[in-house]
Amino acid sequence: MAGLPVAIGYGEITNAVPYWRTRGIIIDPGVTLTVQAGAVVKAIDSSSTLTVLGTLVAQGTAAAPAVFLDRR
């Protein structure tokens, strides 16, 4: 799989600014990636995949959803 591995034990995407995925992201087994409430994760193109082999925690709420968008 081609992509940028989340190789540490824990990662976080904050709600400070949109996070643009320019390559794929791989969340390895045993790794947790947390996306904060209100965070926006945008894909640049179709090669910007998100592969979850570990744990993805999206902490969105009704008032502040965690949003995943494609380029459109």
PDB file of N, CA and C in Angstrom:
ATOM      1  N   MET A   1       0.835  -1.182   0.000  1.00  0.00           N
ATOM      2  CA  MET A   1       0.000   0.000   0.000  1.00  0.00           C
ATOM      3  C   MET A   1       0.877   1.241   0.000  1.00  0.00           C
ATOM      4  N   ALA A   2       0.596   2.154  -0.896  1.00  0.00           N
ATOM      5  CA  ALA A   2       1.331   3.413  -0.911  1.00  0.00           C
ATOM      6  C   ALA A   2       0.616   4.401  -0.014  1.00  0.00           C
ATOM      7  N   GLY A   3       1.362   5.100   0.774  1.00  0.00           N
ATOM      8  CA  GLY A   3       0.741   6.092   1.625  1.00  0.00           C
ATOM      9  C   GLY A   3       1.693   6.549   2.703  1.00  0.00           C
ATOM     10  N   LEU A   4       1.252   7.485   3.472  1.00  0.00           N
ATOM     11  CA  LEU A   4       2.020   8.019   4.568  1.00  0.00           C
ATOM     12  C   LEU A   4       1.580   7.282   5.829  1.00  0.00           C
ATOM     13  N   PRO A   5       2.419   6.408   6.375  1.00  0.00           N
ATOM     14  CA  PRO A   5       1.984   5.664   7.558  1.00  0.00           C
ATOM     15  C   PRO A   5       1.965   6.533   8.799  1.00  0.00           C
ATOM     16  N   VAL A   6       0.973   6.302   9.635  1.00  0.00           N
ATOM     17  CA  VAL A   6       0.966   6.896  10.961  1.00  0.00           C
ATOM     18  C   VAL A   6       1.740   5.896  11.799  1.00  0.00           C
ATOM     19  N   ALA A   7       3.037   6.129  11.959  1.00  0.00           N
ATOM     20  CA  ALA A   7       3.942   5.126  12.505  1.00  0.00           C
ATOM     21  C   ALA A   7       4.124   5.232  14.004  1.00  0.00           C
ATOM     22  N   ILE A   8       3.633   6.305  14.593  1.00  0.00           N
ATOM     23  CA  ILE A   8       3.738   6.439  16.034  1.00  0.00           C
ATOM     24  C   ILE A   8       2.553   5.759  16.691  1.00  0.00           C
ATOM     25  N   GLY A   9       2.547   5.645  17.969  1.00  0.00           N
ATOM     26  CA  GLY A   9       1.454   4.967  18.655  1.00  0.00           C
ATOM     27  C   GLY A   9       0.167   5.755  18.702  1.00  0.00           C
ATOM     28  N   TYR A  10       0.251   7.051  18.462  1.00  0.00           N
ATOM     29  CA  TYR A  10      -0.932   7.895  18.568  1.00  0.00           C
ATOM     30  C   TYR A  10      -0.717   9.128  17.704  1.00  0.00           C
ATOM     31  N   GLY A  11      -1.722   9.563  17.003  1.00  0.00           N
ATOM     32  CA  GLY A  11      -1.656  10.793  16.227  1.00  0.00           C
ATOM     33  C   GLY A  11      -2.948  11.557  16.400  1.00  0.00           C
ATOM     34  N   GLU A  12      -2.931  12.836  16.037  1.00  0.00           N
ATOM     35  CA  GLU A  12      -4.132  13.638  16.206  1.00  0.00           C
ATOM     36  C   GLU A  12      -4.214  14.677  15.099  1.00  0.00           C
ATOM     37  N   ILE A  13      -5.419  14.860  14.570  1.00  0.00           N
ATOM     38  CA  ILE A  13      -5.698  15.932  13.622  1.00  0.00           C
ATOM     39  C   ILE A  13      -6.580  16.919  14.366  1.00  0.00           C
ATOM     40  N   THR A  14      -6.086  18.157  14.485  1.00  0.00           N
ATOM     41  CA  THR A  14      -6.807  19.155  15.273  1.00  0.00           C
ATOM     42  C   THR A  14      -7.792  19.929  14.412  1.00  0.00           C
ATOM     43  N   ASN A  15      -8.587  20.754  15.056  1.00  0.00           N
ATOM     44  CA  ASN A  15      -9.575  21.554  14.346  1.00  0.00           C
ATOM     45  C   ASN A  15      -9.057  22.949  14.017  1.00  0.00           C
ATOM     46  N   ALA A  16      -7.750  23.181  14.158  1.00  0.00           N
ATOM     47  CA  ALA A  16      -7.185  24.513  13.942  1.00  0.00           C
ATOM     48  C   ALA A  16      -7.272  24.955  12.480  1.00  0.00           C
ATOM     49  N   VAL A  17      -6.909  24.080  11.553  1.00  0.00           N
ATOM     50  CA  VAL A  17      -6.957  24.383  10.115  1.00  0.00           C
ATOM     51  C   VAL A  17      -7.332  23.103   9.383  1.00  0.00           C
ATOM     52  N   PRO A  18      -7.852  23.202   8.141  1.00  0.00           N
ATOM     53  CA  PRO A  18      -8.129  21.976   7.385  1.00  0.00           C
ATOM     54  C   PRO A  18      -6.843  21.183   7.156  1.00  0.00           C
ATOM     55  N   TYR A  19      -6.936  19.880   7.203  1.00  0.00           N
ATOM     56  CA  TYR A  19      -5.812  18.992   6.945  1.00  0.00           C
ATOM     57  C   TYR A  19      -5.980  18.452   5.534  1.00  0.00           C
ATOM     58  N   TRP A  20      -5.060  18.780   4.631  1.00  0.00           N
ATOM     59  CA  TRP A  20      -5.131  18.340   3.237  1.00  0.00           C
ATOM     60  C   TRP A  20      -4.327  17.071   3.075  1.00  0.00           C
ATOM     61  N   ARG A  21      -4.986  15.981   2.644  1.00  0.00           N
ATOM     62  CA  ARG A  21      -4.283  14.724   2.386  1.00  0.00           C
ATOM     63  C   ARG A  21      -3.741  14.766   0.966  1.00  0.00           C
ATOM     64  N   THR A  22      -2.426  14.861   0.827  1.00  0.00           N
ATOM     65  CA  THR A  22      -1.817  14.891  -0.490  1.00  0.00           C
ATOM     66  C   THR A  22      -1.391  13.494  -0.930  1.00  0.00           C
ATOM     67  N   ARG A  23      -1.315  12.577   0.009  1.00  0.00           N
ATOM     68  CA  ARG A  23      -1.027  11.168  -0.270  1.00  0.00           C
ATOM     69  C   ARG A  23      -1.970  10.361   0.605  1.00  0.00           C
ATOM     70  N   GLY A  24      -1.886   9.065   0.437  1.00  0.00           N
ATOM     71  CA  GLY A  24      -2.687   8.219   1.292  1.00  0.00           C
ATOM     72  C   GLY A  24      -2.179   8.229   2.726  1.00  0.00           C
ATOM     73  N   ILE A  25      -3.067   7.926   3.647  1.00  0.00           N
ATOM     74  CA  ILE A  25      -2.708   7.768   5.058  1.00  0.00           C
ATOM     75  C   ILE A  25      -3.002   6.326   5.424  1.00  0.00           C
ATOM     76  N   ILE A  26      -2.053   5.687   6.080  1.00  0.00           N
ATOM     77  CA  ILE A  26      -2.253   4.334   6.586  1.00  0.00           C
ATOM     78  C   ILE A  26      -2.135   4.378   8.101  1.00  0.00           C
ATOM     79  N   ILE A  27      -3.179   3.958   8.776  1.00  0.00           N
ATOM     80  CA  ILE A  27      -3.134   3.838  10.230  1.00  0.00           C
ATOM     81  C   ILE A  27      -2.791   2.388  10.524  1.00  0.00           C
ATOM     82  N   ASP A  28      -1.564   2.162  10.948  1.00  0.00           N
ATOM     83  CA  ASP A  28      -1.054   0.803  11.160  1.00  0.00           C
ATOM     84  C   ASP A  28      -1.739   0.098  12.327  1.00  0.00           C
ATOM     85  N   PRO A  29      -1.685  -1.239  12.360  1.00  0.00           N
ATOM     86  CA  PRO A  29      -2.231  -1.988  13.498  1.00  0.00           C
ATOM     87  C   PRO A  29      -1.591  -1.504  14.804  1.00  0.00           C
ATOM     88  N   GLY A  30      -2.400  -1.354  15.830  1.00  0.00           N
ATOM     89  CA  GLY A  30      -1.908  -0.914  17.124  1.00  0.00           C
ATOM     90  C   GLY A  30      -1.763   0.588  17.266  1.00  0.00           C
ATOM     91  N   VAL A  31      -2.079   1.333  16.189  1.00  0.00           N
ATOM     92  CA  VAL A  31      -1.949   2.790  16.194  1.00  0.00           C
ATOM     93  C   VAL A  31      -3.338   3.407  16.199  1.00  0.00           C
ATOM     94  N   THR A  32      -3.498   4.511  16.943  1.00  0.00           N
ATOM     95  CA  THR A  32      -4.762   5.242  16.990  1.00  0.00           C
ATOM     96  C   THR A  32      -4.555   6.642  16.427  1.00  0.00           C
ATOM     97  N   LEU A  33      -5.410   7.027  15.489  1.00  0.00           N
ATOM     98  CA  LEU A  33      -5.427   8.392  14.974  1.00  0.00           C
ATOM     99  C   LEU A  33      -6.740   9.018  15.406  1.00  0.00           C
ATOM    100  N   THR A  34      -6.661  10.147  16.116  1.00  0.00           N
ATOM    101  CA  THR A  34      -7.850  10.839  16.595  1.00  0.00           C
ATOM    102  C   THR A  34      -8.071  12.103  15.770  1.00  0.00           C
ATOM    103  N   VAL A  35      -9.296  12.287  15.292  1.00  0.00           N
ATOM    104  CA  VAL A  35      -9.691  13.483  14.563  1.00  0.00           C
ATOM    105  C   VAL A  35     -10.634  14.258  15.476  1.00  0.00           C
ATOM    106  N   GLN A  36     -10.222  15.455  15.880  1.00  0.00           N
ATOM    107  CA  GLN A  36     -10.991  16.242  16.832  1.00  0.00           C
ATOM    108  C   GLN A  36     -12.328  16.710  16.267  1.00  0.00           C
ATOM    109  N   ALA A  37     -13.250  17.000  17.173  1.00  0.00           N
ATOM    110  CA  ALA A  37     -14.522  17.615  16.779  1.00  0.00           C
ATOM    111  C   ALA A  37     -14.224  18.910  16.046  1.00  0.00           C
ATOM    112  N   GLY A  38     -14.883  19.129  14.926  1.00  0.00           N
ATOM    113  CA  GLY A  38     -14.690  20.336  14.131  1.00  0.00           C
ATOM    114  C   GLY A  38     -13.551  20.263  13.134  1.00  0.00           C
ATOM    115  N   ALA A  39     -12.768  19.186  13.154  1.00  0.00           N
ATOM    116  CA  ALA A  39     -11.652  19.043  12.215  1.00  0.00           C
ATOM    117  C   ALA A  39     -12.174  18.708  10.824  1.00  0.00           C
ATOM    118  N   VAL A  40     -11.455  19.170   9.809  1.00  0.00           N
ATOM    119  CA  VAL A  40     -11.803  18.907   8.415  1.00  0.00           C
ATOM    120  C   VAL A  40     -10.610  18.239   7.750  1.00  0.00           C
ATOM    121  N   VAL A  41     -10.834  17.068   7.162  1.00  0.00           N
ATOM    122  CA  VAL A  41      -9.794  16.324   6.452  1.00  0.00           C
ATOM    123  C   VAL A  41     -10.203  16.282   4.984  1.00  0.00           C
ATOM    124  N   LYS A  42      -9.384  16.891   4.110  1.00  0.00           N
ATOM    125  CA  LYS A  42      -9.716  16.990   2.695  1.00  0.00           C
ATOM    126  C   LYS A  42      -8.718  16.208   1.859  1.00  0.00           C
ATOM    127  N   ALA A  43      -9.213  15.504   0.858  1.00  0.00           N
ATOM    128  CA  ALA A  43      -8.362  14.763  -0.066  1.00  0.00           C
ATOM    129  C   ALA A  43      -8.033  15.651  -1.260  1.00  0.00           C
ATOM    130  N   ILE A  44      -6.789  15.600  -1.718  1.00  0.00           N
ATOM    131  CA  ILE A  44      -6.377  16.366  -2.890  1.00  0.00           C
ATOM    132  C   ILE A  44      -6.872  15.695  -4.176  1.00  0.00           C
ATOM    133  N   ASP A  45      -6.719  14.367  -4.255  1.00  0.00           N
ATOM    134  CA  ASP A  45      -7.146  13.627  -5.442  1.00  0.00           C
ATOM    135  C   ASP A  45      -7.451  12.183  -5.063  1.00  0.00           C
ATOM    136  N   SER A  46      -7.727  11.356  -6.053  1.00  0.00           N
ATOM    137  CA  SER A  46      -8.140   9.975  -5.788  1.00  0.00           C
ATOM    138  C   SER A  46      -7.026   9.120  -5.196  1.00  0.00           C
ATOM    139  N   SER A  47      -5.774   9.582  -5.239  1.00  0.00           N
ATOM    140  CA  SER A  47      -4.691   8.817  -4.627  1.00  0.00           C
ATOM    141  C   SER A  47      -4.577   9.102  -3.129  1.00  0.00           C
ATOM    142  N   SER A  48      -5.381  10.011  -2.632  1.00  0.00           N
ATOM    143  CA  SER A  48      -5.356  10.387  -1.213  1.00  0.00           C
ATOM    144  C   SER A  48      -6.267   9.461  -0.410  1.00  0.00           C
ATOM    145  N   THR A  49      -5.823   8.231  -0.259  1.00  0.00           N
ATOM    146  CA  THR A  49      -6.638   7.226   0.411  1.00  0.00           C
ATOM    147  C   THR A  49      -6.454   7.268   1.923  1.00  0.00           C
ATOM    148  N   LEU A  50      -7.382   6.661   2.630  1.00  0.00           N
ATOM    149  CA  LEU A  50      -7.294   6.500   4.071  1.00  0.00           C
ATOM    150  C   LEU A  50      -7.512   5.028   4.366  1.00  0.00           C
ATOM    151  N   THR A  51      -6.454   4.343   4.805  1.00  0.00           N
ATOM    152  CA  THR A  51      -6.523   2.918   5.107  1.00  0.00           C
ATOM    153  C   THR A  51      -6.392   2.742   6.608  1.00  0.00           C
ATOM    154  N   VAL A  52      -7.408   2.140   7.227  1.00  0.00           N
ATOM    155  CA  VAL A  52      -7.416   1.973   8.675  1.00  0.00           C
ATOM    156  C   VAL A  52      -7.191   0.502   9.011  1.00  0.00           C
ATOM    157  N   LEU A  53      -6.000   0.203   9.512  1.00  0.00           N
ATOM    158  CA  LEU A  53      -5.673  -1.140   9.991  1.00  0.00           C
ATOM    159  C   LEU A  53      -5.615  -1.136  11.513  1.00  0.00           C
ATOM    160  N   GLY A  54      -5.517   0.056  12.084  1.00  0.00           N
ATOM    161  CA  GLY A  54      -5.514   0.253  13.529  1.00  0.00           C
ATOM    162  C   GLY A  54      -6.858   0.824  13.952  1.00  0.00           C
ATOM    163  N   THR A  55      -6.833   1.999  14.608  1.00  0.00           N
ATOM    164  CA  THR A  55      -8.057   2.611  15.120  1.00  0.00           C
ATOM    165  C   THR A  55      -8.150   4.061  14.670  1.00  0.00           C
ATOM    166  N   LEU A  56      -9.312   4.427  14.132  1.00  0.00           N
ATOM    167  CA  LEU A  56      -9.612   5.811  13.782  1.00  0.00           C
ATOM    168  C   LEU A  56     -10.715   6.278  14.721  1.00  0.00           C
ATOM    169  N   VAL A  57     -10.444   7.361  15.467  1.00  0.00           N
ATOM    170  CA  VAL A  57     -11.431   7.915  16.395  1.00  0.00           C
ATOM    171  C   VAL A  57     -11.815   9.296  15.888  1.00  0.00           C
ATOM    172  N   ALA A  58     -13.049   9.445  15.413  1.00  0.00           N
ATOM    173  CA  ALA A  58     -13.560  10.740  14.974  1.00  0.00           C
ATOM    174  C   ALA A  58     -14.421  11.284  16.102  1.00  0.00           C
ATOM    175  N   GLN A  59     -13.973  12.365  16.736  1.00  0.00           N
ATOM    176  CA  GLN A  59     -14.645  12.896  17.920  1.00  0.00           C
ATOM    177  C   GLN A  59     -15.677  13.957  17.587  1.00  0.00           C
ATOM    178  N   GLY A  60     -16.290  13.856  16.431  1.00  0.00           N
ATOM    179  CA  GLY A  60     -17.282  14.839  16.021  1.00  0.00           C
ATOM    180  C   GLY A  60     -18.531  14.813  16.883  1.00  0.00           C
ATOM    181  N   THR A  61     -19.199  15.936  16.895  1.00  0.00           N
ATOM    182  CA  THR A  61     -20.489  16.074  17.584  1.00  0.00           C
ATOM    183  C   THR A  61     -21.479  16.676  16.586  1.00  0.00           C
ATOM    184  N   ALA A  62     -22.735  16.754  16.974  1.00  0.00           N
ATOM    185  CA  ALA A  62     -23.733  17.364  16.094  1.00  0.00           C
ATOM    186  C   ALA A  62     -23.384  18.830  15.826  1.00  0.00           C
ATOM    187  N   ALA A  63     -22.863  19.515  16.824  1.00  0.00           N
ATOM    188  CA  ALA A  63     -22.519  20.927  16.679  1.00  0.00           C
ATOM    189  C   ALA A  63     -21.177  21.140  15.977  1.00  0.00           C
ATOM    190  N   ALA A  64     -20.274  20.184  16.111  1.00  0.00           N
ATOM    191  CA  ALA A  64     -18.929  20.307  15.523  1.00  0.00           C
ATOM    192  C   ALA A  64     -18.496  18.954  14.972  1.00  0.00           C
ATOM    193  N   PRO A  65     -19.024  18.578  13.799  1.00  0.00           N
ATOM    194  CA  PRO A  65     -18.686  17.264  13.244  1.00  0.00           C
ATOM    195  C   PRO A  65     -17.230  17.182  12.790  1.00  0.00           C
ATOM    196  N   ALA A  66     -16.685  15.992  12.823  1.00  0.00           N
ATOM    197  CA  ALA A  66     -15.397  15.709  12.170  1.00  0.00           C
ATOM    198  C   ALA A  66     -15.758  15.371  10.723  1.00  0.00           C
ATOM    199  N   VAL A  67     -15.179  16.096   9.772  1.00  0.00           N
ATOM    200  CA  VAL A  67     -15.622  16.026   8.386  1.00  0.00           C
ATOM    201  C   VAL A  67     -14.497  15.469   7.500  1.00  0.00           C
ATOM    202  N   PHE A  68     -14.838  14.495   6.638  1.00  0.00           N
ATOM    203  CA  PHE A  68     -13.922  13.934   5.666  1.00  0.00           C
ATOM    204  C   PHE A  68     -14.488  14.262   4.278  1.00  0.00           C
ATOM    205  N   LEU A  69     -13.711  14.963   3.453  1.00  0.00           N
ATOM    206  CA  LEU A  69     -14.189  15.422   2.152  1.00  0.00           C
ATOM    207  C   LEU A  69     -13.257  14.970   1.041  1.00  0.00           C
ATOM    208  N   ASP A  70     -13.831  14.760  -0.161  1.00  0.00           N
ATOM    209  CA  ASP A  70     -12.993  14.545  -1.335  1.00  0.00           C
ATOM    210  C   ASP A  70     -12.745  15.914  -1.966  1.00  0.00           C
ATOM    211  N   ARG A  71     -12.119  15.923  -3.122  1.00  0.00           N
ATOM    212  CA  ARG A  71     -11.717  17.194  -3.737  1.00  0.00           C
ATOM    213  C   ARG A  71     -12.894  18.036  -4.229  1.00  0.00           C
ATOM    214  N   ARG A  72     -14.031  17.427  -4.457  1.00  0.00           N
ATOM    215  CA  ARG A  72     -15.173  18.157  -5.019  1.00  0.00           C
ATOM    216  C   ARG A  72     -15.641  19.243  -4.155  1.00  0.00           C
TER     217      ARG A  72
END
